[in-house]
């Protein structure tokens, strides 16, 4: 789970089909996304972080991609597909954003 900057909410990737927002006291607030392969859908979201534009960056593990969404769940963009070439993933498991705003992805099976 990751704390969203400047708020008391935490984003939790569930290794299921969505990301959930919970308060410090673990009270459920809302879910983002649902099971599937379309934009804004997930198959085992394994990690989430917040970029410098206050958007969610989510490792979509079984869809072999990273998705970027606004906090309200609106789809912004995605990148990656299954494979071994540049720009492809095989089970992305973690994401973070560095000080230059670059998204860094841990790819489990490459």
N, C-alpha and C. Protein backbone atom coordinates (compact mmCIF):
# COMPACT_ATOMS: atom_id res chain seq x y z
N UNK A 1 0.84 -1.19 0.00
CA UNK A 1 0.00 0.00 0.00
C UNK A 1 0.87 1.23 0.00
N UNK A 2 0.37 2.30 -0.58
CA UNK A 2 1.14 3.52 -0.71
C UNK A 2 0.31 4.70 -0.24
N UNK A 3 0.95 5.61 0.49
CA UNK A 3 0.25 6.83 0.92
C UNK A 3 0.25 7.83 -0.22
N UNK A 4 -0.89 8.41 -0.47
CA UNK A 4 -1.02 9.45 -1.50
C UNK A 4 -0.60 10.77 -0.88
N UNK A 5 0.30 11.48 -1.54
CA UNK A 5 0.87 12.71 -0.99
C UNK A 5 -0.21 13.69 -0.57
N UNK A 6 -0.09 14.20 0.67
CA UNK A 6 -0.96 15.26 1.15
C UNK A 6 -2.35 14.82 1.54
N UNK A 7 -2.62 13.53 1.59
CA UNK A 7 -3.95 13.06 1.97
C UNK A 7 -3.81 11.96 3.00
N UNK A 8 -4.93 11.64 3.63
CA UNK A 8 -4.94 10.55 4.58
C UNK A 8 -5.35 9.24 3.94
N UNK A 9 -5.51 9.23 2.62
CA UNK A 9 -5.90 8.02 1.92
C UNK A 9 -4.67 7.22 1.53
N UNK A 10 -4.83 5.91 1.47
CA UNK A 10 -3.78 5.03 0.96
C UNK A 10 -4.37 4.23 -0.18
N UNK A 11 -3.56 3.99 -1.20
CA UNK A 11 -3.97 3.16 -2.33
C UNK A 11 -3.40 1.79 -2.10
N UNK A 12 -4.21 0.79 -2.25
CA UNK A 12 -3.77 -0.57 -2.03
C UNK A 12 -4.06 -1.39 -3.28
N UNK A 13 -3.02 -1.95 -3.88
CA UNK A 13 -3.25 -2.87 -4.99
C UNK A 13 -3.56 -4.22 -4.37
N UNK A 14 -4.52 -4.92 -4.93
CA UNK A 14 -5.08 -6.08 -4.25
C UNK A 14 -4.66 -7.44 -4.79
N UNK A 15 -3.77 -7.48 -5.77
CA UNK A 15 -3.44 -8.76 -6.40
C UNK A 15 -4.73 -9.47 -6.82
N UNK A 16 -5.72 -8.71 -7.21
CA UNK A 16 -6.99 -9.25 -7.68
C UNK A 16 -7.34 -8.59 -9.00
N UNK A 17 -8.25 -7.61 -8.92
CA UNK A 17 -8.75 -7.01 -10.15
C UNK A 17 -8.98 -5.52 -10.05
N UNK A 18 -8.62 -4.92 -8.93
CA UNK A 18 -8.84 -3.49 -8.77
C UNK A 18 -7.85 -2.92 -7.76
N UNK A 19 -7.86 -1.60 -7.61
CA UNK A 19 -7.12 -0.93 -6.54
C UNK A 19 -8.15 -0.30 -5.62
N UNK A 20 -7.86 -0.32 -4.35
CA UNK A 20 -8.80 0.24 -3.37
C UNK A 20 -8.17 1.40 -2.63
N UNK A 21 -9.00 2.34 -2.26
CA UNK A 21 -8.58 3.46 -1.43
C UNK A 21 -9.08 3.18 -0.02
N UNK A 22 -8.18 3.29 0.95
CA UNK A 22 -8.57 3.12 2.34
C UNK A 22 -8.04 4.30 3.15
N UNK A 23 -8.71 4.62 4.22
CA UNK A 23 -8.26 5.68 5.13
C UNK A 23 -7.23 5.09 6.09
N UNK A 24 -6.56 5.98 6.82
CA UNK A 24 -5.56 5.54 7.79
C UNK A 24 -6.09 4.46 8.73
N UNK A 25 -7.33 4.58 9.11
CA UNK A 25 -7.90 3.61 10.04
C UNK A 25 -8.44 2.38 9.32
N UNK A 26 -8.02 2.20 8.06
CA UNK A 26 -8.37 1.03 7.23
C UNK A 26 -9.83 1.00 6.80
N UNK A 27 -10.50 2.13 6.84
CA UNK A 27 -11.89 2.20 6.37
C UNK A 27 -11.90 2.26 4.85
N UNK A 28 -12.67 1.38 4.23
CA UNK A 28 -12.77 1.34 2.77
C UNK A 28 -13.41 2.62 2.26
N UNK A 29 -12.84 3.22 1.20
CA UNK A 29 -13.36 4.44 0.60
C UNK A 29 -13.98 4.15 -0.76
N UNK A 30 -13.20 3.55 -1.69
CA UNK A 30 -13.71 3.21 -3.01
C UNK A 30 -12.73 2.30 -3.73
N UNK A 31 -13.20 1.71 -4.83
CA UNK A 31 -12.35 0.90 -5.71
C UNK A 31 -12.15 1.63 -7.02
N UNK A 32 -11.02 1.35 -7.64
CA UNK A 32 -10.70 1.89 -8.96
C UNK A 32 -10.47 0.69 -9.87
N UNK A 33 -11.16 0.64 -11.00
CA UNK A 33 -10.96 -0.43 -11.98
C UNK A 33 -11.78 -1.67 -11.69
N UNK A 34 -11.69 -2.61 -12.63
CA UNK A 34 -12.37 -3.90 -12.50
C UNK A 34 -11.59 -4.93 -13.31
N UNK A 35 -12.00 -6.19 -13.20
CA UNK A 35 -11.33 -7.28 -13.90
C UNK A 35 -11.47 -7.11 -15.41
N UNK A 36 -10.38 -7.34 -16.14
CA UNK A 36 -10.47 -7.31 -17.59
C UNK A 36 -9.18 -6.88 -18.26
N UNK A 37 -9.26 -6.70 -19.57
CA UNK A 37 -8.09 -6.35 -20.36
C UNK A 37 -8.20 -4.97 -21.01
N UNK A 38 -9.32 -4.32 -20.87
CA UNK A 38 -9.52 -3.00 -21.48
C UNK A 38 -8.82 -1.90 -20.70
N UNK A 39 -8.89 -0.69 -21.24
CA UNK A 39 -8.32 0.47 -20.56
C UNK A 39 -9.01 0.67 -19.21
N UNK A 40 -8.22 0.77 -18.14
CA UNK A 40 -8.76 0.93 -16.80
C UNK A 40 -9.18 -0.36 -16.14
N UNK A 41 -9.03 -1.49 -16.82
CA UNK A 41 -9.29 -2.81 -16.24
C UNK A 41 -7.96 -3.44 -15.86
N UNK A 42 -8.02 -4.37 -14.90
CA UNK A 42 -6.79 -4.98 -14.39
C UNK A 42 -6.90 -6.48 -14.30
N UNK A 43 -5.74 -7.12 -14.33
CA UNK A 43 -5.62 -8.53 -13.99
C UNK A 43 -4.42 -8.65 -13.07
N UNK A 44 -4.68 -8.72 -11.81
CA UNK A 44 -3.69 -8.75 -10.74
C UNK A 44 -2.84 -7.47 -10.67
N UNK A 45 -3.46 -6.34 -10.32
CA UNK A 45 -2.65 -5.13 -10.12
C UNK A 45 -1.74 -5.35 -8.91
N UNK A 46 -0.42 -5.29 -9.12
CA UNK A 46 0.50 -5.70 -8.07
C UNK A 46 1.15 -4.55 -7.32
N UNK A 47 1.12 -3.33 -7.87
CA UNK A 47 1.72 -2.20 -7.18
C UNK A 47 1.12 -0.91 -7.73
N UNK A 48 1.17 0.13 -6.91
CA UNK A 48 0.64 1.43 -7.31
C UNK A 48 1.50 2.52 -6.68
N UNK A 49 1.73 3.60 -7.42
CA UNK A 49 2.40 4.78 -6.89
C UNK A 49 1.75 6.00 -7.52
N UNK A 50 2.17 7.18 -7.08
CA UNK A 50 1.62 8.43 -7.58
C UNK A 50 2.73 9.20 -8.27
N UNK A 51 2.47 9.69 -9.49
CA UNK A 51 3.50 10.43 -10.22
C UNK A 51 3.46 11.91 -9.85
N UNK A 52 4.30 12.70 -10.50
CA UNK A 52 4.42 14.13 -10.19
C UNK A 52 3.23 14.95 -10.65
N UNK A 53 2.37 14.36 -11.46
CA UNK A 53 1.14 15.03 -11.88
C UNK A 53 -0.06 14.53 -11.08
N UNK A 54 0.22 13.84 -9.97
CA UNK A 54 -0.80 13.35 -9.05
C UNK A 54 -1.69 12.28 -9.68
N UNK A 55 -1.12 11.50 -10.60
CA UNK A 55 -1.85 10.40 -11.24
C UNK A 55 -1.37 9.08 -10.67
N UNK A 56 -2.22 8.08 -10.75
CA UNK A 56 -1.87 6.74 -10.28
C UNK A 56 -1.11 6.01 -11.37
N UNK A 57 -0.02 5.37 -11.01
CA UNK A 57 0.75 4.52 -11.90
C UNK A 57 0.64 3.11 -11.34
N UNK A 58 0.06 2.19 -12.14
CA UNK A 58 -0.31 0.87 -11.63
C UNK A 58 0.34 -0.23 -12.46
N UNK A 59 1.05 -1.15 -11.79
CA UNK A 59 1.59 -2.34 -12.44
C UNK A 59 0.45 -3.33 -12.61
N UNK A 60 0.07 -3.59 -13.84
CA UNK A 60 -1.03 -4.49 -14.19
C UNK A 60 -0.40 -5.84 -14.57
N UNK A 61 -0.12 -6.63 -13.56
CA UNK A 61 0.75 -7.79 -13.68
C UNK A 61 0.37 -8.79 -14.76
N UNK A 62 -0.82 -9.33 -14.73
CA UNK A 62 -1.18 -10.38 -15.69
C UNK A 62 -1.59 -9.85 -17.06
N UNK A 63 -1.79 -8.52 -17.17
CA UNK A 63 -1.99 -7.92 -18.49
C UNK A 63 -0.66 -7.44 -19.07
N UNK A 64 0.43 -7.61 -18.32
CA UNK A 64 1.79 -7.33 -18.77
C UNK A 64 1.95 -5.89 -19.26
N UNK A 65 1.47 -4.95 -18.44
CA UNK A 65 1.51 -3.53 -18.82
C UNK A 65 1.49 -2.66 -17.58
N UNK A 66 1.69 -1.38 -17.79
CA UNK A 66 1.55 -0.37 -16.75
C UNK A 66 0.46 0.58 -17.23
N UNK A 67 -0.44 0.94 -16.31
CA UNK A 67 -1.50 1.88 -16.65
C UNK A 67 -1.36 3.13 -15.79
N UNK A 68 -1.73 4.26 -16.36
CA UNK A 68 -1.74 5.53 -15.65
C UNK A 68 -3.19 6.02 -15.65
N UNK A 69 -3.69 6.35 -14.45
CA UNK A 69 -5.06 6.83 -14.29
C UNK A 69 -5.08 8.06 -13.42
N UNK A 70 -6.10 8.87 -13.58
CA UNK A 70 -6.33 9.97 -12.64
C UNK A 70 -6.86 9.37 -11.34
N UNK A 71 -6.83 10.14 -10.29
CA UNK A 71 -7.28 9.62 -8.98
C UNK A 71 -8.73 9.16 -8.99
N UNK A 72 -9.54 9.74 -9.88
CA UNK A 72 -10.95 9.33 -9.94
C UNK A 72 -11.13 8.05 -10.77
N UNK A 73 -10.03 7.50 -11.30
CA UNK A 73 -10.10 6.26 -12.07
C UNK A 73 -10.16 6.46 -13.57
N UNK A 74 -10.16 7.71 -14.04
CA UNK A 74 -10.20 7.98 -15.47
C UNK A 74 -8.89 7.53 -16.12
N UNK A 75 -9.01 6.73 -17.18
CA UNK A 75 -7.85 6.23 -17.89
C UNK A 75 -7.10 7.37 -18.57
N UNK A 76 -5.75 7.37 -18.44
CA UNK A 76 -4.90 8.37 -19.10
C UNK A 76 -4.10 7.71 -20.22
N UNK A 77 -3.35 6.66 -19.87
CA UNK A 77 -2.55 5.96 -20.87
C UNK A 77 -2.08 4.62 -20.32
N UNK A 78 -1.52 3.82 -21.21
CA UNK A 78 -0.93 2.55 -20.83
C UNK A 78 0.30 2.33 -21.70
N UNK A 79 1.20 1.49 -21.22
CA UNK A 79 2.33 1.10 -22.04
C UNK A 79 2.76 -0.30 -21.66
N UNK A 80 3.37 -0.98 -22.62
CA UNK A 80 3.83 -2.34 -22.42
C UNK A 80 2.87 -3.37 -22.99
N UNK A 81 3.42 -4.53 -23.25
CA UNK A 81 2.68 -5.70 -23.68
C UNK A 81 3.54 -6.90 -23.33
N UNK A 82 3.00 -8.09 -23.49
CA UNK A 82 3.77 -9.28 -23.14
C UNK A 82 4.85 -9.56 -24.17
N UNK A 83 6.06 -9.79 -23.71
CA UNK A 83 7.15 -10.13 -24.60
C UNK A 83 8.49 -9.81 -23.99
N UNK A 84 9.54 -10.05 -24.76
CA UNK A 84 10.90 -9.86 -24.29
C UNK A 84 11.62 -8.69 -24.96
N UNK A 85 10.97 -8.01 -25.87
CA UNK A 85 11.58 -6.88 -26.57
C UNK A 85 11.54 -5.62 -25.70
N UNK A 86 12.27 -4.58 -26.13
CA UNK A 86 12.20 -3.30 -25.43
C UNK A 86 10.76 -2.82 -25.36
N UNK A 87 10.36 -2.34 -24.20
CA UNK A 87 9.00 -1.85 -24.02
C UNK A 87 7.98 -2.93 -23.71
N UNK A 88 8.42 -4.17 -23.62
CA UNK A 88 7.52 -5.28 -23.29
C UNK A 88 7.86 -5.82 -21.90
N UNK A 89 6.87 -6.47 -21.29
CA UNK A 89 7.03 -7.01 -19.94
C UNK A 89 6.60 -8.46 -19.88
N UNK A 90 7.10 -9.13 -18.87
CA UNK A 90 6.61 -10.46 -18.50
C UNK A 90 6.42 -10.44 -17.00
N UNK A 91 5.25 -10.05 -16.58
CA UNK A 91 4.85 -9.96 -15.18
C UNK A 91 5.47 -8.76 -14.45
N UNK A 92 5.07 -7.54 -14.82
CA UNK A 92 5.55 -6.37 -14.07
C UNK A 92 4.96 -6.38 -12.66
N UNK A 93 5.82 -6.27 -11.66
CA UNK A 93 5.36 -6.44 -10.28
C UNK A 93 5.43 -5.19 -9.42
N UNK A 94 6.26 -4.21 -9.80
CA UNK A 94 6.39 -3.00 -8.98
C UNK A 94 6.65 -1.80 -9.88
N UNK A 95 6.19 -0.63 -9.41
CA UNK A 95 6.40 0.62 -10.13
C UNK A 95 6.79 1.72 -9.16
N UNK A 96 7.58 2.66 -9.64
CA UNK A 96 7.85 3.89 -8.89
C UNK A 96 8.17 4.98 -9.90
N UNK A 97 8.18 6.21 -9.45
CA UNK A 97 8.48 7.35 -10.30
C UNK A 97 9.67 8.07 -9.68
N UNK A 98 10.73 8.30 -10.46
CA UNK A 98 11.92 8.95 -9.91
C UNK A 98 11.76 10.47 -9.93
N UNK A 99 12.77 11.17 -9.45
CA UNK A 99 12.69 12.62 -9.32
C UNK A 99 12.59 13.34 -10.66
N UNK A 100 12.99 12.67 -11.74
CA UNK A 100 12.87 13.25 -13.08
C UNK A 100 11.52 12.96 -13.71
N UNK A 101 10.67 12.21 -13.00
CA UNK A 101 9.34 11.88 -13.52
C UNK A 101 9.29 10.63 -14.37
N UNK A 102 10.40 9.89 -14.45
CA UNK A 102 10.43 8.64 -15.22
C UNK A 102 9.81 7.51 -14.41
N UNK A 103 9.01 6.70 -15.07
CA UNK A 103 8.39 5.53 -14.43
C UNK A 103 9.39 4.38 -14.50
N UNK A 104 9.65 3.77 -13.36
CA UNK A 104 10.57 2.63 -13.27
C UNK A 104 9.73 1.41 -12.93
N UNK A 105 9.94 0.32 -13.69
CA UNK A 105 9.13 -0.88 -13.56
C UNK A 105 10.03 -2.06 -13.20
N UNK A 106 9.65 -2.83 -12.19
CA UNK A 106 10.30 -4.09 -11.88
C UNK A 106 9.54 -5.16 -12.63
N UNK A 107 10.23 -5.88 -13.51
CA UNK A 107 9.63 -6.92 -14.34
C UNK A 107 10.13 -8.26 -13.84
N UNK A 108 9.27 -9.03 -13.25
CA UNK A 108 9.62 -10.24 -12.53
C UNK A 108 10.32 -11.30 -13.38
N UNK A 109 9.88 -11.54 -14.57
CA UNK A 109 10.32 -12.73 -15.30
C UNK A 109 11.22 -12.46 -16.49
N UNK A 110 11.84 -11.29 -16.57
CA UNK A 110 12.78 -11.04 -17.67
C UNK A 110 14.17 -11.32 -17.21
